[in-house]
Amino acid sequence: MIKAYNNTWVTNIYVREIAAGWVSKNLLTKEQEAKIRTAYPDAFYRPGIFVTIGLFVFTSIACLFFGGFVSLFFIDSVSGDSFEALSVICAAGFFGALEFAIRDRKLFHSGVDNALLYAAIGCCFSFFVLTIEGEKPWLYCFLSLFLLVPAMLRYADFLMTVMTYLVALALVALIFAESSLGKALLPFAIMIFSFLSYMLVSRNTSIYYRKCRQVLEVLSLITFYLGGNYYVVREGNAMLNDLPVSTQIAFSYLFYFFTAAIPAAYIWLGLKKHDRLLLVIGLLALGASVVTYRMYFIQLTASQELTIAGLFTIVVSILLIKYLETPKYGVSDEPEEQRKFAYLETVLVAEVLGQTPQDKGIEFGGGNFGGGGAGEAY
């Protein structure tokens, strides 16, 4: 699949980010960073976050106006065929504008190209729905993958990556939900799909797909845990079988084990591999597992639960911070990088709290001799 963005410039951006991180850790000097930026240039247009949001909104509105303008030519024939033709024309126009913006304007996830991509994909989805109206949902998911996968591989877009994974997961779930046996095996199918996705994605080392890989790893880890979580499986079984109240499920002890073992495995692998992603998701999954066990086995009031959870979190945090003041096993309590919006936070705090006190004018009273402000000293 041909990549839409200049792969060399994308690699140079990554090198610059690494260099900037090393400068913040005093591993490089400013002069060395300047030489690196000169040796690894990029000509992409990459505005700030607020400008990107503004460009995205403006381009989205422009796409709506373009669709409305094209629809004027089909106003006399309101039928399914006319809407299909409108979708094809708009999709072609948006894809053409997207390729032009990337090639000639050197845009790189700057808001304009994102909006054009989403508009084009939306028009293609509309064409699919209008063409095969009334078919089974899994067929829509299957056909959508022929559009989403190439879009993800070509543009390496965050939202396209999320949609591709969720649609593929929905396809697996819908196929298994067609039969009673499939419903019983659905949790295992989700876990297998998530595991295979994680293994496949983790082997990709391309810098071009670096952020896509991170997104897919997060989604794979989350869905693998959810597929083995007892609460999710039990409530999902009741929903699929139209049961008014969830009942005990088959292989319940196996899912009890998964609910506890998966977070523990995530945390252990995260510490062993020095993988922050695994560690953080493992800690979050551990919290979800505690909530799951509480719902079925532990009967405490809300205040008791919050008190115990708060005390446990505080004690563990203090012990870990004290223990990791000196890095051990490659793990430290020091932050990996500076927060990206620390400067913005400083500006906002100064704006809210840094107001100059207003002059209250002349105040009378407070004197210690004669009143009215008079005293024995001037």
Protein backbone atom coordinates (compact mmCIF):
# COMPACT_ATOMS: atom_id res chain seq x y z
CA MET A 1 0.00 0.00 0.00
CA ILE A 2 1.47 3.37 -1.08
CA LYS A 3 1.73 5.78 1.84
CA ALA A 4 0.10 9.16 1.36
CA TYR A 5 2.57 11.15 3.45
CA ASN A 6 6.30 11.47 2.82
CA ASN A 7 7.78 8.59 4.81
CA THR A 8 11.17 10.28 5.16
CA TRP A 9 9.64 13.39 6.71
CA VAL A 10 7.56 11.27 9.08
CA THR A 11 10.75 9.52 10.21
CA ASN A 12 12.48 12.88 10.63
CA ILE A 13 9.62 14.09 12.85
CA TYR A 14 10.11 11.04 15.05
CA VAL A 15 13.86 11.68 15.29
CA ARG A 16 13.20 15.30 16.27
CA GLU A 17 10.77 14.22 18.98
CA ILE A 18 13.34 11.82 20.40
CA ALA A 19 15.98 14.55 20.36
CA ALA A 20 13.65 17.00 22.13
CA GLY A 21 12.98 14.39 24.82
CA TRP A 22 16.69 13.86 25.32
CA VAL A 23 17.24 17.60 25.66
CA SER A 24 14.63 17.75 28.44
CA LYS A 25 16.60 15.00 30.24
CA ASN A 26 19.90 16.86 29.72
CA LEU A 27 21.22 14.09 27.47
CA LEU A 28 21.69 16.54 24.59
CA THR A 29 22.46 20.22 24.43
CA LYS A 30 20.42 22.81 22.57
CA GLU A 31 23.20 23.12 20.01
CA GLN A 32 23.18 19.39 19.34
CA GLU A 33 19.40 19.44 18.97
CA ALA A 34 19.68 22.29 16.47
CA LYS A 35 22.12 20.24 14.40
CA ILE A 36 19.74 17.28 14.49
CA ARG A 37 16.84 19.44 13.33
CA THR A 38 18.99 20.67 10.46
CA ALA A 39 20.07 17.16 9.50
CA TYR A 40 16.51 15.79 9.69
CA PRO A 41 14.21 18.39 8.12
CA ASP A 42 10.52 18.11 7.35
CA ALA A 43 8.34 20.38 5.24
CA PHE A 44 4.97 19.33 6.64
CA TYR A 45 2.42 21.92 7.68
CA ARG A 46 1.61 21.06 11.30
CA PRO A 47 -0.25 23.80 13.18
CA GLY A 48 -1.00 23.87 16.89
CA ILE A 49 -3.88 21.99 18.44
CA PHE A 50 -6.31 24.92 18.46
CA VAL A 51 -5.57 25.87 14.84
CA THR A 52 -5.97 22.21 13.88
CA ILE A 53 -9.40 22.08 15.52
CA GLY A 54 -10.42 25.29 13.77
CA LEU A 55 -9.27 24.00 10.38
CA PHE A 56 -11.09 20.73 10.96
CA VAL A 57 -14.36 22.50 11.77
CA PHE A 58 -14.00 24.90 8.83
CA THR A 59 -13.25 22.07 6.39
CA SER A 60 -16.17 20.01 7.69
CA ILE A 61 -18.52 22.93 7.07
CA ALA A 62 -17.04 23.39 3.59
CA CYS A 63 -17.67 19.71 2.84
CA LEU A 64 -21.31 20.12 3.88
CA PHE A 65 -21.67 23.12 1.58
CA PHE A 66 -20.09 21.18 -1.27
CA GLY A 67 -22.49 18.28 -0.74
CA GLY A 68 -25.42 20.69 -0.68
CA PHE A 69 -24.26 22.36 -3.88
CA VAL A 70 -23.89 19.05 -5.72
CA SER A 71 -27.30 17.91 -4.50
CA LEU A 72 -28.89 20.84 -6.35
CA PHE A 73 -28.26 18.98 -9.60
CA PHE A 74 -30.30 16.01 -8.33
CA ILE A 75 -33.15 17.97 -6.78
CA ASP A 76 -35.60 16.95 -9.51
CA SER A 77 -35.03 13.21 -9.07
CA VAL A 78 -35.39 12.17 -5.45
CA SER A 79 -34.64 8.43 -5.60
CA GLY A 80 -32.18 5.88 -4.33
CA ASP A 81 -30.13 6.06 -7.53
CA SER A 82 -29.72 9.82 -7.25
CA PHE A 83 -28.47 9.56 -3.67
CA GLU A 84 -26.03 6.85 -4.70
CA ALA A 85 -24.70 9.06 -7.50
CA LEU A 86 -24.46 11.99 -5.08
CA SER A 87 -22.44 9.87 -2.63
CA VAL A 88 -20.03 8.74 -5.36
CA ILE A 89 -19.49 12.27 -6.69
CA CYS A 90 -18.90 13.72 -3.22
CA ALA A 91 -16.55 10.88 -2.26
CA ALA A 92 -14.51 11.36 -5.44
CA GLY A 93 -14.34 15.11 -4.85
CA PHE A 94 -13.26 14.74 -1.23
CA PHE A 95 -10.62 12.13 -2.03
CA GLY A 96 -9.29 14.30 -4.85
CA ALA A 97 -9.09 17.34 -2.58
CA LEU A 98 -7.41 15.22 0.11
CA GLU A 99 -4.69 13.96 -2.22
CA PHE A 100 -4.10 17.47 -3.55
CA ALA A 101 -3.83 18.91 -0.03
CA ILE A 102 -1.31 16.28 1.03
CA ARG A 103 0.80 16.39 -2.13
CA ASP A 104 0.85 20.12 -2.90
CA ARG A 105 0.10 21.77 0.46
CA LYS A 106 2.22 19.35 2.52
CA LEU A 107 -0.49 18.84 5.15
CA PHE A 108 0.13 16.27 7.87
CA HIS A 109 -2.83 15.59 10.16
CA SER A 110 -3.46 19.31 10.27
CA GLY A 111 -7.25 19.22 10.45
CA VAL A 112 -7.99 19.83 6.79
CA ASP A 113 -6.80 16.43 5.60
CA ASN A 114 -8.51 14.69 8.52
CA ALA A 115 -11.86 16.30 7.74
CA LEU A 116 -11.59 15.49 4.03
CA LEU A 117 -10.74 11.87 4.80
CA TYR A 118 -13.69 11.45 7.17
CA ALA A 119 -16.06 13.13 4.70
CA ALA A 120 -14.91 10.85 1.88
CA ILE A 121 -15.23 7.72 4.01
CA GLY A 122 -18.68 8.83 5.17
CA CYS A 123 -19.85 9.22 1.58
CA CYS A 124 -18.56 5.75 0.73
CA PHE A 125 -20.43 4.31 3.71
CA SER A 126 -23.58 6.01 2.50
CA PHE A 127 -23.12 4.40 -0.89
CA PHE A 128 -22.75 0.95 0.70
CA VAL A 129 -25.87 1.38 2.82
CA LEU A 130 -27.96 2.60 -0.11
CA THR A 131 -26.71 -0.12 -2.45
CA ILE A 132 -27.23 -3.15 -0.20
CA GLU A 133 -30.09 -1.88 1.92
CA GLY A 134 -31.80 -4.48 4.11
CA GLU A 135 -28.90 -6.96 4.35
CA LYS A 136 -27.51 -8.48 7.54
CA PRO A 137 -25.33 -6.21 9.71
CA TRP A 138 -22.25 -8.42 9.40
CA LEU A 139 -22.26 -7.87 5.64
CA TYR A 140 -21.99 -4.10 6.13
CA CYS A 141 -19.04 -4.65 8.46
CA PHE A 142 -17.37 -6.98 5.99
CA LEU A 143 -17.68 -4.56 3.07
CA SER A 144 -16.60 -1.62 5.24
CA LEU A 145 -13.28 -3.30 5.92
CA PHE A 146 -12.44 -3.13 2.20
CA LEU A 147 -12.59 0.64 2.60
CA LEU A 148 -11.27 1.14 6.14
CA VAL A 149 -8.18 -1.05 5.91
CA PRO A 150 -6.73 0.69 2.81
CA ALA A 151 -7.58 4.10 4.34
CA MET A 152 -5.78 3.17 7.56
CA LEU A 153 -2.72 1.83 5.73
CA ARG A 154 -2.47 4.82 3.41
CA TYR A 155 -3.21 7.72 5.77
CA ALA A 156 -2.26 6.23 9.19
CA ASP A 157 -5.13 8.14 10.77
CA PHE A 158 -6.11 7.70 14.42
CA LEU A 159 -9.87 7.53 13.89
CA MET A 160 -9.54 5.23 10.88
CA THR A 161 -7.45 2.88 13.01
CA VAL A 162 -10.04 2.82 15.79
CA MET A 163 -12.90 2.27 13.34
CA THR A 164 -11.06 -0.52 11.52
CA TYR A 165 -10.46 -2.45 14.71
CA LEU A 166 -13.98 -1.95 16.08
CA VAL A 167 -15.62 -2.91 12.78
CA ALA A 168 -13.46 -6.04 12.52
CA LEU A 169 -14.35 -6.94 16.11
CA ALA A 170 -18.03 -6.31 15.40
CA LEU A 171 -17.80 -8.58 12.36
CA VAL A 172 -16.48 -11.43 14.51
CA ALA A 173 -19.13 -10.84 17.17
CA LEU A 174 -22.01 -10.67 14.68
CA ILE A 175 -20.95 -13.86 12.92
CA PHE A 176 -20.71 -15.81 16.18
CA ALA A 177 -24.02 -14.35 17.42
CA GLU A 178 -25.84 -16.02 14.52
CA SER A 179 -26.10 -19.36 16.36
CA SER A 180 -26.53 -20.64 19.92
CA LEU A 181 -23.14 -22.35 19.85
CA GLY A 182 -21.55 -19.17 18.54
CA LYS A 183 -23.04 -17.15 21.40
CA ALA A 184 -21.54 -19.57 23.90
CA LEU A 185 -18.12 -19.34 22.23
CA LEU A 186 -18.24 -15.58 21.63
CA PRO A 187 -16.08 -14.57 24.65
CA PHE A 188 -13.35 -16.98 23.56
CA ALA A 189 -13.60 -15.72 19.97
CA ILE A 190 -13.13 -12.13 21.16
CA MET A 191 -10.13 -13.10 23.26
CA ILE A 192 -8.54 -15.02 20.38
CA PHE A 193 -9.18 -12.15 17.96
CA SER A 194 -7.68 -9.64 20.41
CA PHE A 195 -4.64 -11.82 21.06
CA LEU A 196 -3.94 -12.35 17.36
CA SER A 197 -4.41 -8.64 16.67
CA TYR A 198 -1.94 -7.71 19.40
CA MET A 199 0.67 -10.20 18.21
CA LEU A 200 0.30 -9.09 14.59
CA VAL A 201 0.48 -5.37 15.39
CA SER A 202 3.34 -5.61 17.88
CA ARG A 203 5.58 -7.06 15.17
CA ASN A 204 5.20 -3.95 13.02
CA THR A 205 8.16 -1.63 13.58
CA SER A 206 7.38 1.00 10.95
CA ILE A 207 7.63 4.55 12.28
CA TYR A 208 4.94 5.60 9.82
CA TYR A 209 2.40 3.47 11.70
CA ARG A 210 3.81 4.15 15.18
CA LYS A 211 0.69 5.84 16.58
CA CYS A 212 -1.63 3.40 14.83
CA ARG A 213 0.30 0.56 16.41
CA GLN A 214 -0.09 2.09 19.86
CA VAL A 215 -3.83 2.55 19.37
CA LEU A 216 -4.30 -1.02 18.17
CA GLU A 217 -2.26 -2.39 21.07
CA VAL A 218 -4.43 -0.50 23.56
CA LEU A 219 -7.65 -1.68 21.94
CA SER A 220 -6.41 -5.27 21.73
CA LEU A 221 -5.43 -5.37 25.39
CA ILE A 222 -8.73 -3.84 26.48
CA THR A 223 -10.93 -6.15 24.41
CA PHE A 224 -8.90 -9.20 25.47
CA TYR A 225 -9.61 -8.36 29.10
CA LEU A 226 -13.27 -7.57 28.46
CA GLY A 227 -13.68 -10.89 26.66
CA GLY A 228 -12.60 -12.71 29.83
CA ASN A 229 -14.23 -10.46 32.42
CA TYR A 230 -16.95 -12.31 34.34
CA TYR A 231 -19.31 -9.33 34.57
CA VAL A 232 -19.09 -8.54 30.85
CA VAL A 233 -19.62 -12.16 29.85
CA ARG A 234 -22.53 -12.69 32.23
CA GLU A 235 -24.38 -9.50 31.32
CA GLY A 236 -23.59 -9.95 27.63
CA ASN A 237 -25.00 -13.47 27.74
CA ALA A 238 -28.24 -12.17 29.23
CA MET A 239 -28.49 -9.46 26.57
CA LEU A 240 -27.84 -11.83 23.65
CA ASN A 241 -30.40 -14.35 24.90
CA ASP A 242 -33.02 -11.72 25.86
CA LEU A 243 -33.01 -12.74 29.52
CA PRO A 244 -34.71 -10.31 31.94
CA VAL A 245 -32.15 -11.10 34.67
CA SER A 246 -28.59 -12.33 34.17
CA THR A 247 -28.03 -15.88 35.39
CA GLN A 248 -24.97 -17.96 36.13
CA ILE A 249 -22.99 -18.73 32.99
CA ALA A 250 -21.19 -21.84 31.83
CA PHE A 251 -17.49 -22.08 32.71
CA SER A 252 -18.05 -19.44 35.41
CA TYR A 253 -14.96 -20.48 37.38
CA LEU A 254 -12.85 -20.09 34.26
CA PHE A 255 -14.03 -16.48 33.88
CA TYR A 256 -13.44 -15.88 37.61
CA PHE A 257 -9.86 -16.90 36.90
CA PHE A 258 -9.58 -14.74 33.78
CA THR A 259 -10.92 -11.71 35.66
CA ALA A 260 -8.07 -11.92 38.16
CA ALA A 261 -5.31 -13.46 36.03
CA ILE A 262 -5.40 -11.13 33.02
CA PRO A 263 -4.70 -7.90 34.99
CA ALA A 264 -1.97 -9.68 36.95
CA ALA A 265 -0.39 -10.87 33.69
CA TYR A 266 -0.55 -7.36 32.23
CA ILE A 267 1.15 -5.85 35.28
CA TRP A 268 3.82 -8.54 35.40
CA LEU A 269 4.60 -8.26 31.68
CA GLY A 270 4.60 -4.46 31.90
CA LEU A 271 7.21 -4.52 34.67
CA LYS A 272 9.25 -7.24 33.00
CA LYS A 273 9.31 -5.60 29.56
CA HIS A 274 9.35 -2.03 30.92
CA ASP A 275 6.18 -1.45 28.92
CA ARG A 276 4.21 1.43 30.40
CA LEU A 277 1.21 0.67 28.21
CA LEU A 278 0.84 -2.85 29.59
CA LEU A 279 1.37 -1.63 33.14
CA VAL A 280 -1.21 1.15 33.00
CA ILE A 281 -3.86 -1.01 31.33
CA GLY A 282 -3.11 -3.77 33.82
CA LEU A 283 -3.69 -1.41 36.75
CA LEU A 284 -6.94 -0.16 35.23
CA ALA A 285 -8.04 -3.74 34.57
CA LEU A 286 -7.18 -4.64 38.15
CA GLY A 287 -9.52 -1.89 39.35
CA ALA A 288 -12.26 -3.19 37.05
CA SER A 289 -11.72 -6.72 38.41
CA VAL A 290 -12.08 -5.49 41.98
CA VAL A 291 -15.38 -3.86 41.03
CA THR A 292 -16.49 -7.09 39.34
CA TYR A 293 -15.78 -9.21 42.41
CA ARG A 294 -17.41 -6.63 44.66
CA MET A 295 -20.66 -6.83 42.71
CA TYR A 296 -21.03 -10.58 43.27
CA PHE A 297 -19.08 -11.46 46.41
CA ILE A 298 -18.49 -8.42 48.65
CA GLN A 299 -21.28 -6.57 50.42
CA LEU A 300 -20.11 -3.20 51.73
CA THR A 301 -21.60 0.26 51.79
CA ALA A 302 -20.38 2.85 49.33
CA SER A 303 -18.61 4.85 52.05
CA GLN A 304 -16.80 1.76 53.31
CA GLU A 305 -15.69 0.81 49.82
CA LEU A 306 -14.42 4.30 49.03
CA THR A 307 -12.58 4.52 52.35
CA ILE A 308 -10.87 1.16 51.91
CA ALA A 309 -10.00 1.88 48.27
CA GLY A 310 -8.62 5.33 49.12
CA LEU A 311 -6.49 4.07 52.00
CA PHE A 312 -5.17 1.19 49.91
CA THR A 313 -4.29 3.49 46.99
CA ILE A 314 -2.54 6.03 49.23
CA VAL A 315 -0.51 3.39 51.09
CA VAL A 316 0.55 1.59 47.90
CA SER A 317 1.44 4.87 46.17
CA ILE A 318 3.59 6.07 49.08
CA LEU A 319 5.39 2.73 49.37
CA LEU A 320 6.09 2.55 45.63
CA ILE A 321 7.32 6.15 45.45
CA LYS A 322 9.67 5.57 48.38
CA TYR A 323 10.85 2.27 46.95
CA LEU A 324 11.45 3.65 43.45
CA GLU A 325 13.22 6.86 44.47
CA THR A 326 16.32 4.92 43.49
CA PRO A 327 15.52 3.22 40.15
CA LYS A 328 15.32 -0.55 40.46
CA TYR A 329 14.99 -3.13 37.67
CA GLY A 330 14.76 -0.31 35.14
CA VAL A 331 11.69 1.20 36.82
CA SER A 332 11.60 4.67 38.38
CA ASP A 333 9.03 7.11 39.74
CA GLU A 334 10.43 9.89 37.56
CA PRO A 335 8.15 11.08 34.72
CA GLU A 336 9.26 9.93 31.28
CA GLU A 337 8.59 13.26 29.61
CA GLN A 338 7.28 16.72 30.33
CA ARG A 339 3.59 17.37 30.00
CA LYS A 340 2.73 18.88 26.65
CA PHE A 341 0.24 21.38 28.06
CA ALA A 342 2.22 22.49 31.11
CA TYR A 343 2.75 25.96 29.63
CA LEU A 344 -0.94 26.30 28.86
CA GLU A 345 -1.78 25.34 32.44
CA THR A 346 0.60 28.04 33.70
CA VAL A 347 -1.06 30.67 31.52
CA LEU A 348 -4.54 29.67 32.69
CA VAL A 349 -3.54 29.69 36.35
CA ALA A 350 -1.93 33.11 35.95
CA GLU A 351 -5.07 34.36 34.21
CA VAL A 352 -7.41 33.10 36.94
CA LEU A 353 -5.34 33.53 40.09
CA GLY A 354 -2.89 36.20 39.12
CA GLN A 355 -5.31 39.13 39.18
CA THR A 356 -3.83 42.41 40.40
CA PRO A 357 -5.55 43.44 43.68
CA GLN A 358 -7.80 46.44 43.25
CA ASP A 359 -6.99 49.59 45.16
CA LYS A 360 -9.51 49.91 48.00
CA GLY A 361 -8.91 53.63 48.38
CA ILE A 362 -8.53 55.44 51.68
CA GLU A 363 -9.48 53.32 54.71
CA PHE A 364 -10.23 54.92 58.04
CA GLY A 365 -9.83 53.30 61.42
CA GLY A 366 -7.14 51.12 62.84
CA GLY A 367 -5.28 53.93 64.57
CA ASN A 368 -3.90 53.48 68.06
CA PHE A 369 -4.16 57.09 69.20
CA GLY A 370 -7.20 59.26 68.74
CA GLY A 371 -8.97 57.07 66.13
CA GLY A 372 -9.62 57.91 62.51
CA GLY A 373 -6.31 56.37 61.55
CA ALA A 374 -4.27 58.67 63.80
CA GLY A 375 -1.36 57.30 65.76
CA GLU A 376 1.82 58.31 67.51
CA ALA A 377 3.89 57.34 64.41
CA TYR A 378 3.68 58.53 60.79
